[in-house]
N, C-alpha and C. Protein backbone atom coordinates (compact mmCIF):
# COMPACT_ATOMS: atom_id res chain seq x y z
N MET A 1 5.17 -0.70 40.33
CA MET A 1 3.84 -0.72 40.58
C MET A 1 3.26 -1.68 39.00
N SER A 2 2.77 -2.45 39.28
CA SER A 2 2.34 -2.95 37.67
C SER A 2 0.99 -2.46 37.37
N GLN A 3 0.56 -2.36 36.02
CA GLN A 3 -0.33 -2.58 35.30
C GLN A 3 -1.54 -3.37 35.03
N LYS A 4 -1.09 -4.55 35.04
CA LYS A 4 -1.30 -5.98 34.81
C LYS A 4 -2.71 -5.79 34.74
N GLY A 5 -3.30 -6.32 33.63
CA GLY A 5 -5.07 -6.28 33.29
C GLY A 5 -5.55 -4.64 33.26
N ALA A 6 -5.00 -4.19 33.45
CA ALA A 6 -5.47 -2.58 33.01
C ALA A 6 -5.29 -2.31 31.44
N GLY A 7 -6.46 -1.83 30.82
CA GLY A 7 -5.81 -0.88 29.42
C GLY A 7 -6.05 -2.62 28.58
N ILE A 8 -5.15 -2.17 27.24
CA ILE A 8 -5.14 -3.22 26.01
C ILE A 8 -3.56 -3.67 26.18
N ASP A 9 -2.80 -4.72 25.78
CA ASP A 9 -1.77 -5.35 25.42
C ASP A 9 -2.04 -5.09 24.12
N LEU A 10 -0.15 -3.50 24.11
CA LEU A 10 -0.16 -3.07 22.80
C LEU A 10 0.07 -3.96 21.87
N ASP A 11 0.80 -5.33 22.12
CA ASP A 11 1.90 -6.04 21.30
C ASP A 11 0.36 -7.00 20.80
N GLN A 12 -0.70 -6.88 21.32
CA GLN A 12 -2.06 -7.69 20.31
C GLN A 12 -3.09 -6.93 20.19
N SER A 13 -2.34 -5.24 19.98
CA SER A 13 -3.89 -4.82 19.66
C SER A 13 -3.62 -4.51 18.08
N LEU A 14 -4.97 -4.81 17.18
CA LEU A 14 -4.67 -4.41 16.10
C LEU A 14 -5.11 -3.09 15.76
N GLY A 15 -5.86 -2.60 16.82
CA GLY A 15 -5.99 -1.09 16.28
C GLY A 15 -4.75 -0.11 16.61
N TYR A 16 -3.56 -0.72 17.61
CA TYR A 16 -2.33 0.19 17.78
C TYR A 16 -1.71 -0.23 16.91
N LEU A 17 -1.49 -1.39 16.14
CA LEU A 17 -1.08 -1.63 14.78
C LEU A 17 -1.36 -0.55 13.45
N LEU A 18 -2.60 -0.64 13.52
CA LEU A 18 -2.75 0.00 12.52
C LEU A 18 -2.46 1.64 12.61
N LYS A 19 -2.41 2.20 13.74
CA LYS A 19 -2.16 3.20 14.11
C LYS A 19 -0.69 3.60 13.40
N GLU A 20 0.40 2.90 14.08
CA GLU A 20 1.65 2.60 14.03
C GLU A 20 2.18 2.42 12.07
N ALA A 21 1.30 1.45 12.04
CA ALA A 21 1.07 1.94 10.23
C ALA A 21 1.01 2.64 9.53
N SER A 22 -0.31 3.48 10.31
CA SER A 22 -0.81 5.13 9.79
C SER A 22 0.39 6.02 9.53
N SER A 23 1.17 6.04 10.95
CA SER A 23 2.06 6.60 11.24
C SER A 23 3.31 6.34 10.47
N ALA A 24 3.71 5.60 10.31
CA ALA A 24 4.90 5.00 9.69
C ALA A 24 4.47 5.57 8.03
N LEU A 25 3.33 5.56 7.73
CA LEU A 25 3.22 5.69 6.19
C LEU A 25 2.91 7.44 5.73
N ARG A 26 2.57 8.04 6.65
CA ARG A 26 2.38 9.40 6.81
C ARG A 26 3.91 9.57 6.74
N ALA A 27 4.96 9.53 7.61
CA ALA A 27 5.88 9.86 7.52
C ALA A 27 6.80 9.54 6.51
N ALA A 28 6.83 8.57 6.08
CA ALA A 28 7.33 8.14 4.79
C ALA A 28 6.99 8.83 3.32
N MET A 29 5.76 9.25 3.36
CA MET A 29 4.87 10.32 2.44
C MET A 29 5.46 11.32 2.69
N GLU A 30 5.74 11.89 3.47
CA GLU A 30 6.04 13.33 4.18
C GLU A 30 7.63 13.52 3.52
N GLU A 31 8.27 12.33 3.74
CA GLU A 31 9.83 12.45 3.37
C GLU A 31 9.44 12.76 2.03
N VAL A 32 9.01 11.95 1.01
CA VAL A 32 9.15 12.06 -0.22
C VAL A 32 8.27 13.33 -0.76
N LEU A 33 7.66 13.75 0.02
CA LEU A 33 6.47 14.71 -0.82
C LEU A 33 7.25 16.58 -0.39
N ARG A 34 8.48 16.31 0.57
CA ARG A 34 9.07 17.48 0.89
C ARG A 34 10.01 18.05 0.24
N PRO A 35 10.76 17.42 -0.81
CA PRO A 35 11.79 18.06 -1.63
C PRO A 35 10.60 18.60 -2.63
N LEU A 36 9.08 18.52 -3.00
CA LEU A 36 8.62 19.00 -4.01
C LEU A 36 7.80 19.92 -3.45
N GLY A 37 7.81 20.63 -1.98
CA GLY A 37 7.72 21.69 -1.44
C GLY A 37 5.63 20.98 -0.74
N MET A 38 5.28 20.16 -0.47
CA MET A 38 4.01 19.32 -0.09
C MET A 38 4.32 18.89 1.34
N SER A 39 3.50 18.93 2.26
CA SER A 39 2.81 18.36 2.85
C SER A 39 2.01 16.82 2.24
N VAL A 40 1.35 15.87 3.50
CA VAL A 40 0.70 14.99 3.37
C VAL A 40 -1.20 15.66 2.74
N THR A 41 -1.22 16.46 3.49
CA THR A 41 -2.74 17.12 3.29
C THR A 41 -2.27 18.09 2.06
N HIS A 42 -1.61 18.98 1.81
CA HIS A 42 -1.72 19.50 0.66
C HIS A 42 -1.69 18.43 -0.90
N TYR A 43 -0.96 17.13 -0.90
CA TYR A 43 -1.12 16.58 -1.60
C TYR A 43 -2.80 15.83 -1.29
N SER A 44 -3.00 15.48 -0.69
CA SER A 44 -4.52 15.18 -0.64
C SER A 44 -5.65 16.01 -1.21
N CYS A 45 -5.22 16.62 -1.05
CA CYS A 45 -6.07 18.36 -1.50
C CYS A 45 -5.87 18.14 -3.09
N LEU A 46 -4.79 18.33 -3.36
CA LEU A 46 -4.79 18.50 -4.97
C LEU A 46 -4.99 17.09 -5.43
N GLU A 47 -4.85 16.02 -4.93
CA GLU A 47 -5.77 14.31 -5.66
C GLU A 47 -6.76 14.51 -5.42
N LEU A 48 -7.83 15.33 -4.61
CA LEU A 48 -9.14 15.25 -4.25
C LEU A 48 -9.54 15.64 -5.32
N LEU A 49 -9.06 17.00 -5.78
CA LEU A 49 -9.17 17.49 -6.93
C LEU A 49 -9.54 17.19 -8.12
N ALA A 50 -8.13 16.62 -8.60
CA ALA A 50 -8.35 15.75 -9.45
C ALA A 50 -8.96 14.78 -9.93
N GLN A 51 -9.33 14.01 -8.63
CA GLN A 51 -10.26 13.19 -8.79
C GLN A 51 -11.96 13.60 -8.84
N ARG A 52 -12.49 14.61 -8.10
CA ARG A 52 -13.30 15.38 -8.29
C ARG A 52 -13.08 16.54 -7.95
N PRO A 53 -13.46 17.38 -9.07
CA PRO A 53 -13.73 18.77 -9.29
C PRO A 53 -14.38 19.23 -8.42
N GLY A 54 -14.26 20.60 -8.29
CA GLY A 54 -15.27 21.15 -7.67
C GLY A 54 -15.71 20.95 -6.24
N LEU A 55 -15.19 20.21 -5.89
CA LEU A 55 -15.14 20.30 -4.55
C LEU A 55 -15.50 21.69 -3.22
N SER A 56 -16.03 21.44 -2.29
CA SER A 56 -15.58 22.69 -1.27
C SER A 56 -14.93 22.57 -0.75
N ASN A 57 -14.61 23.68 0.17
CA ASN A 57 -13.83 23.46 1.19
C ASN A 57 -13.92 22.16 2.50
N SER A 58 -15.20 22.29 2.73
CA SER A 58 -16.00 21.53 3.87
C SER A 58 -15.57 20.04 3.09
N GLU A 59 -16.19 19.68 1.65
CA GLU A 59 -15.75 18.58 0.85
C GLU A 59 -14.55 17.69 1.11
N LEU A 60 -13.26 18.89 0.83
CA LEU A 60 -12.15 18.39 0.85
C LEU A 60 -11.47 18.21 2.00
N ALA A 61 -12.13 19.60 3.39
CA ALA A 61 -11.44 18.84 4.29
C ALA A 61 -12.23 17.70 5.04
N ARG A 62 -13.30 17.31 4.72
CA ARG A 62 -13.26 15.72 5.26
C ARG A 62 -12.56 14.85 4.53
N GLY A 63 -12.40 14.85 3.29
CA GLY A 63 -11.54 14.09 2.53
C GLY A 63 -10.11 13.90 3.08
N ALA A 64 -9.16 15.14 3.51
CA ALA A 64 -8.16 15.45 3.81
C ALA A 64 -7.84 14.38 5.41
N PHE A 65 -9.49 14.54 5.94
CA PHE A 65 -8.84 14.65 7.11
C PHE A 65 -8.72 15.32 8.05
N VAL A 66 -8.90 16.81 7.73
CA VAL A 66 -8.43 17.83 8.45
C VAL A 66 -9.64 18.82 8.82
N THR A 67 -9.42 19.57 9.71
CA THR A 67 -10.61 20.64 9.93
C THR A 67 -10.80 21.62 8.43
N ARG A 68 -11.98 22.10 8.80
CA ARG A 68 -12.13 23.16 8.03
C ARG A 68 -11.51 24.42 7.61
N GLN A 69 -11.43 24.57 8.63
CA GLN A 69 -10.41 25.85 8.90
C GLN A 69 -9.00 25.47 8.67
N THR A 70 -8.46 24.35 8.92
CA THR A 70 -7.30 23.88 7.99
C THR A 70 -7.12 24.04 6.64
N MET A 71 -7.85 23.41 6.06
CA MET A 71 -8.33 23.30 4.24
C MET A 71 -8.51 24.68 3.85
N ASN A 72 -9.28 25.70 4.70
CA ASN A 72 -9.30 27.10 4.30
C ASN A 72 -8.15 27.84 3.86
N VAL A 73 -6.82 27.29 5.00
CA VAL A 73 -5.71 28.40 4.84
C VAL A 73 -5.10 27.21 4.09
N LEU A 74 -5.32 26.34 3.64
CA LEU A 74 -4.55 25.18 2.67
C LEU A 74 -4.88 25.78 1.20
N LEU A 75 -6.05 26.05 1.00
CA LEU A 75 -7.01 26.52 -0.04
C LEU A 75 -6.43 27.79 -0.50
N GLN A 76 -6.37 28.63 0.63
CA GLN A 76 -6.05 30.31 0.17
C GLN A 76 -4.69 30.07 -0.37
N ALA A 77 -3.43 29.20 0.53
CA ALA A 77 -2.20 29.13 -0.21
C ALA A 77 -1.82 28.14 -1.56
N LEU A 78 -2.70 27.24 -2.10
CA LEU A 78 -3.02 26.83 -3.19
C LEU A 78 -3.19 27.85 -4.20
N GLU A 79 -4.56 28.73 -3.94
CA GLU A 79 -4.95 29.54 -4.78
C GLU A 79 -3.72 30.63 -5.01
N ARG A 80 -3.37 31.18 -4.00
CA ARG A 80 -2.11 32.10 -4.14
C ARG A 80 -1.37 31.63 -5.02
N ASP A 81 -0.77 30.38 -4.70
CA ASP A 81 0.34 29.76 -5.33
C ASP A 81 0.01 29.52 -7.19
N GLY A 82 -0.96 29.25 -7.43
CA GLY A 82 -1.34 29.15 -8.45
C GLY A 82 -1.61 27.58 -8.84
N TYR A 83 -1.99 26.71 -7.85
CA TYR A 83 -2.35 24.94 -7.98
C TYR A 83 -3.66 25.04 -8.33
N VAL A 84 -4.41 26.07 -7.46
CA VAL A 84 -5.96 25.85 -7.60
C VAL A 84 -6.54 27.02 -7.79
N THR A 85 -7.60 27.24 -8.43
CA THR A 85 -8.92 28.35 -8.71
C THR A 85 -9.97 28.31 -8.15
N ARG A 86 -10.68 29.14 -7.82
CA ARG A 86 -12.14 29.57 -7.06
C ARG A 86 -12.67 30.58 -7.41
N PRO A 87 -13.50 30.70 -7.73
CA PRO A 87 -14.63 31.92 -7.84
C PRO A 87 -14.55 33.04 -7.08
N ALA A 88 -14.54 34.28 -7.55
CA ALA A 88 -14.76 35.04 -6.28
C ALA A 88 -15.97 35.39 -5.87
N GLU A 89 -17.21 34.85 -6.31
CA GLU A 89 -18.21 34.54 -5.94
C GLU A 89 -19.11 33.21 -6.13
N ALA A 90 -19.28 32.67 -4.60
CA ALA A 90 -20.25 31.26 -4.84
C ALA A 90 -21.15 31.26 -6.03
N PRO A 91 -21.27 30.02 -7.31
CA PRO A 91 -21.92 29.86 -8.05
C PRO A 91 -23.71 29.89 -7.46
N VAL A 92 -23.73 29.10 -6.21
CA VAL A 92 -25.10 28.51 -5.49
C VAL A 92 -24.55 28.27 -4.00
N GLY A 93 -25.41 28.87 -3.05
CA GLY A 93 -25.09 29.07 -1.70
C GLY A 93 -23.73 29.70 -1.24
N LYS A 94 -22.99 29.23 -0.42
CA LYS A 94 -22.02 29.32 0.39
C LYS A 94 -20.01 29.33 -0.22
N ALA A 95 -20.61 28.17 -0.89
CA ALA A 95 -19.04 27.33 -1.00
C ALA A 95 -18.49 27.94 -2.55
N LEU A 96 -17.25 27.90 -2.39
CA LEU A 96 -16.59 28.34 -3.45
C LEU A 96 -15.83 27.02 -3.71
N PRO A 97 -16.28 25.81 -5.15
CA PRO A 97 -15.88 24.70 -5.98
C PRO A 97 -13.82 25.22 -6.35
N ALA A 98 -13.49 24.73 -5.65
CA ALA A 98 -12.35 24.69 -6.30
C ALA A 98 -11.61 23.73 -7.10
N ARG A 99 -10.73 24.45 -8.12
CA ARG A 99 -10.37 23.10 -9.23
C ARG A 99 -8.96 23.35 -9.76
N LEU A 100 -8.62 22.47 -10.07
CA LEU A 100 -6.64 22.65 -10.05
C LEU A 100 -6.64 23.03 -11.45
N THR A 101 -5.22 23.75 -11.30
CA THR A 101 -4.74 24.88 -12.54
C THR A 101 -4.31 23.69 -13.28
N PRO A 102 -3.47 23.98 -14.35
CA PRO A 102 -2.76 23.36 -15.26
C PRO A 102 -1.43 23.19 -14.40
N SER A 103 -0.84 24.38 -13.40
CA SER A 103 0.24 24.00 -12.87
C SER A 103 0.00 23.05 -11.28
N GLY A 104 -1.29 23.06 -11.09
CA GLY A 104 -1.61 22.42 -9.67
C GLY A 104 -1.66 20.63 -10.55
N ARG A 105 -2.30 20.90 -11.33
CA ARG A 105 -1.98 19.34 -12.30
C ARG A 105 -0.58 18.79 -12.76
N ARG A 106 0.09 19.64 -12.88
CA ARG A 106 1.79 19.33 -13.13
C ARG A 106 2.62 18.69 -11.70
N SER A 107 2.15 19.53 -10.40
CA SER A 107 2.73 19.68 -8.87
C SER A 107 1.67 18.20 -8.86
N LEU A 108 0.88 17.73 -9.20
CA LEU A 108 0.56 16.59 -8.53
C LEU A 108 0.56 15.71 -9.40
N GLU A 109 1.36 15.90 -10.33
CA GLU A 109 1.89 14.37 -11.12
C GLU A 109 3.15 14.03 -10.43
N LYS A 110 3.78 14.86 -10.06
CA LYS A 110 4.99 14.54 -9.36
C LYS A 110 4.60 13.85 -7.93
N ALA A 111 4.02 14.42 -7.59
CA ALA A 111 3.60 13.75 -6.10
C ALA A 111 3.11 12.72 -6.09
N THR A 112 2.14 12.45 -7.19
CA THR A 112 1.61 10.88 -6.76
C THR A 112 2.67 10.11 -7.71
N ALA A 113 4.02 10.21 -8.14
CA ALA A 113 4.75 9.52 -8.76
C ALA A 113 5.56 9.23 -6.87
N ALA A 114 5.72 9.94 -6.47
CA ALA A 114 6.30 9.90 -5.07
C ALA A 114 5.74 9.34 -3.99
N VAL A 115 4.24 9.62 -3.93
CA VAL A 115 3.78 8.37 -2.78
C VAL A 115 3.05 7.10 -3.64
N ARG A 116 3.49 7.01 -5.33
CA ARG A 116 3.30 5.65 -5.50
C ARG A 116 4.25 5.16 -5.15
N SER A 117 5.76 5.49 -4.83
CA SER A 117 6.57 4.73 -4.61
C SER A 117 6.67 4.30 -3.28
N VAL A 118 6.65 5.01 -2.26
CA VAL A 118 6.09 5.12 -0.90
C VAL A 118 5.08 3.72 -0.77
N GLU A 119 3.89 3.63 -1.61
CA GLU A 119 3.15 2.55 -1.18
C GLU A 119 3.69 1.01 -1.84
N VAL A 120 4.39 1.19 -3.18
CA VAL A 120 5.36 0.21 -3.36
C VAL A 120 6.06 -0.38 -2.71
N ARG A 121 6.91 0.58 -1.99
CA ARG A 121 7.44 0.04 -1.01
C ARG A 121 7.09 -0.56 0.45
N MET A 122 5.68 0.22 0.46
CA MET A 122 5.28 -0.41 1.87
C MET A 122 4.72 -1.88 1.76
N LEU A 123 4.39 -2.13 0.29
CA LEU A 123 3.49 -3.37 -0.22
C LEU A 123 4.63 -4.62 -0.33
N ALA A 124 5.95 -4.03 -0.30
CA ALA A 124 6.85 -4.57 -1.30
C ALA A 124 7.24 -6.35 -0.92
N GLY A 125 6.56 -6.28 0.83
CA GLY A 125 7.24 -7.94 1.08
C GLY A 125 5.86 -8.71 1.49
N MET A 126 4.65 -8.16 0.47
CA MET A 126 3.59 -9.30 0.40
C MET A 126 3.13 -9.79 -1.31
N THR A 127 2.63 -10.78 -1.22
CA THR A 127 2.45 -11.31 -2.71
C THR A 127 1.20 -10.78 -2.83
N ASP A 128 0.73 -10.87 -4.32
CA ASP A 128 -0.48 -9.89 -4.64
C ASP A 128 -1.70 -10.50 -3.83
N THR A 129 -1.89 -11.97 -3.59
CA THR A 129 -3.15 -12.76 -3.07
C THR A 129 -3.10 -11.50 -1.45
N GLU A 130 -1.97 -11.67 -0.89
CA GLU A 130 -1.86 -10.92 0.40
C GLU A 130 -2.19 -9.49 0.24
N GLN A 131 -2.03 -8.44 -0.84
CA GLN A 131 -1.94 -7.17 -0.78
C GLN A 131 -3.64 -7.23 -0.84
N GLU A 132 -4.78 -8.16 -1.78
CA GLU A 132 -6.04 -8.18 -1.88
C GLU A 132 -6.46 -8.75 -0.83
N ALA A 133 -5.83 -9.33 0.20
CA ALA A 133 -6.62 -9.84 1.18
C ALA A 133 -6.87 -8.09 2.41
N ALA A 134 -5.34 -7.80 2.64
CA ALA A 134 -5.27 -6.45 3.05
C ALA A 134 -6.33 -5.74 2.82
N PHE A 135 -6.24 -5.53 1.98
CA PHE A 135 -7.23 -4.07 0.97
C PHE A 135 -9.06 -4.54 1.34
N ARG A 136 -8.91 -5.52 1.13
CA ARG A 136 -10.21 -6.27 1.56
C ARG A 136 -10.85 -6.52 3.02
N SER A 137 -9.35 -6.67 4.09
CA SER A 137 -10.06 -6.86 5.27
C SER A 137 -9.84 -5.47 5.84
N LEU A 138 -8.91 -3.88 5.73
CA LEU A 138 -9.60 -2.76 5.50
C LEU A 138 -10.39 -2.34 5.52
N LYS A 139 -10.61 -2.48 3.92
CA LYS A 139 -12.01 -1.86 3.74
C LYS A 139 -13.33 -2.45 4.68
N SER A 140 -13.40 -3.68 4.98
CA SER A 140 -14.53 -4.10 6.14
C SER A 140 -14.08 -3.64 7.30
N MET A 141 -13.08 -3.30 7.74
CA MET A 141 -12.97 -2.51 9.21
C MET A 141 -13.69 -1.12 8.97
N VAL A 142 -13.01 -0.58 8.18
CA VAL A 142 -13.65 0.89 8.04
C VAL A 142 -15.18 0.91 7.89
N ARG A 143 -15.71 -0.06 6.96
CA ARG A 143 -17.57 0.04 6.95
C ARG A 143 -17.68 -0.47 8.27
N SER A 144 -17.46 -1.74 8.99
CA SER A 144 -17.57 -2.22 10.47
C SER A 144 -17.78 -0.99 11.01
N LEU A 145 -16.72 0.05 11.32
CA LEU A 145 -17.10 1.31 12.62
C LEU A 145 -17.22 2.62 11.90
N ARG A 146 -17.97 2.39 10.70
CA ARG A 146 -18.50 3.51 10.00
C ARG A 146 -19.92 3.12 10.08
N ASP A 147 -20.23 2.01 10.16
CA ASP A 147 -21.60 1.48 10.01
C ASP A 147 -22.12 1.41 11.30
N GLY A 148 -21.26 1.27 12.24
CA GLY A 148 -21.41 1.35 13.59
C GLY A 148 -22.06 -0.11 14.67
N ASP A 149 -21.98 -1.08 13.68
CA ASP A 149 -22.65 -2.50 13.68
C ASP A 149 -21.89 -3.17 15.12
N GLY A 150 -22.36 -3.73 15.72
CA GLY A 150 -22.00 -4.21 16.97
C GLY A 150 -21.81 -3.36 18.04
N ASP A 151 -21.79 -4.00 19.31
CA ASP A 151 -22.01 -2.93 20.52
C ASP A 151 -20.78 -3.20 21.35
N GLY A 152 -19.30 -3.42 20.60
CA GLY A 152 -18.00 -3.29 21.15
C GLY A 152 -17.44 -4.42 22.17
N ASP A 153 -19.00 -5.45 22.39
CA ASP A 153 -18.31 -6.12 23.20
C ASP A 153 -18.83 -7.58 22.14
N SER A 154 -17.68 -7.71 21.19
CA SER A 154 -17.95 -9.31 20.21
C SER A 154 -17.58 -10.66 21.25
N GLY A 155 -16.84 -10.26 21.78
CA GLY A 155 -16.26 -11.76 22.30
C GLY A 155 -15.10 -11.85 21.90
N ALA A 156 -14.61 -11.60 20.42
CA ALA A 156 -13.11 -11.59 19.89
C ALA A 156 -12.12 -11.40 20.81
N GLN A 157 -11.09 -12.27 20.56
CA GLN A 157 -9.87 -12.50 20.77
C GLN A 157 -9.10 -11.15 19.96
N PRO A 158 -8.27 -11.00 20.71
CA PRO A 158 -6.90 -10.04 19.73
C PRO A 158 -6.00 -10.50 19.27
N VAL A 159 -6.37 -10.54 17.86
CA VAL A 159 -5.35 -11.29 16.55
C VAL A 159 -4.05 -10.55 17.02
N ARG A 160 -2.96 -11.76 16.54
CA ARG A 160 -1.67 -11.49 16.73
C ARG A 160 -1.33 -11.17 15.24
N VAL A 161 -0.24 -9.93 14.92
CA VAL A 161 -0.11 -9.76 13.16
C VAL A 161 1.51 -9.87 13.19
């Protein structure tokens, strides 16, 4: 029974290729983070806190692409293990702003080097110009999807990459 004409051609789908690249990137990151006792979410949380100290559970969850419940469990573990601190009471409202401890910073330094090695490997076959073009293209795609412009029927043909 043929499905010809139904759905999309995965060999021609940029969305499918992006998902495949995302999955491969995550797997490679998990592989280098595992020996450090970390997951991608763990690393993302520490990186976000290093760059934006004092983020709340909800802000960290959005930045790491996980649920608030998942982030809350992770933050409790990171706090218990001495990687982050949070005040006993919220200074304003209900949010408990998290901050990295010196131990958390040291752990993040090792993880950042590991993740950077994955990115270098991922980009190894591209020239600087190709990397810049890919970066611009991906940012444009994210912006277009978040802005919601377009009605989903642009008439554009699938691009083979």
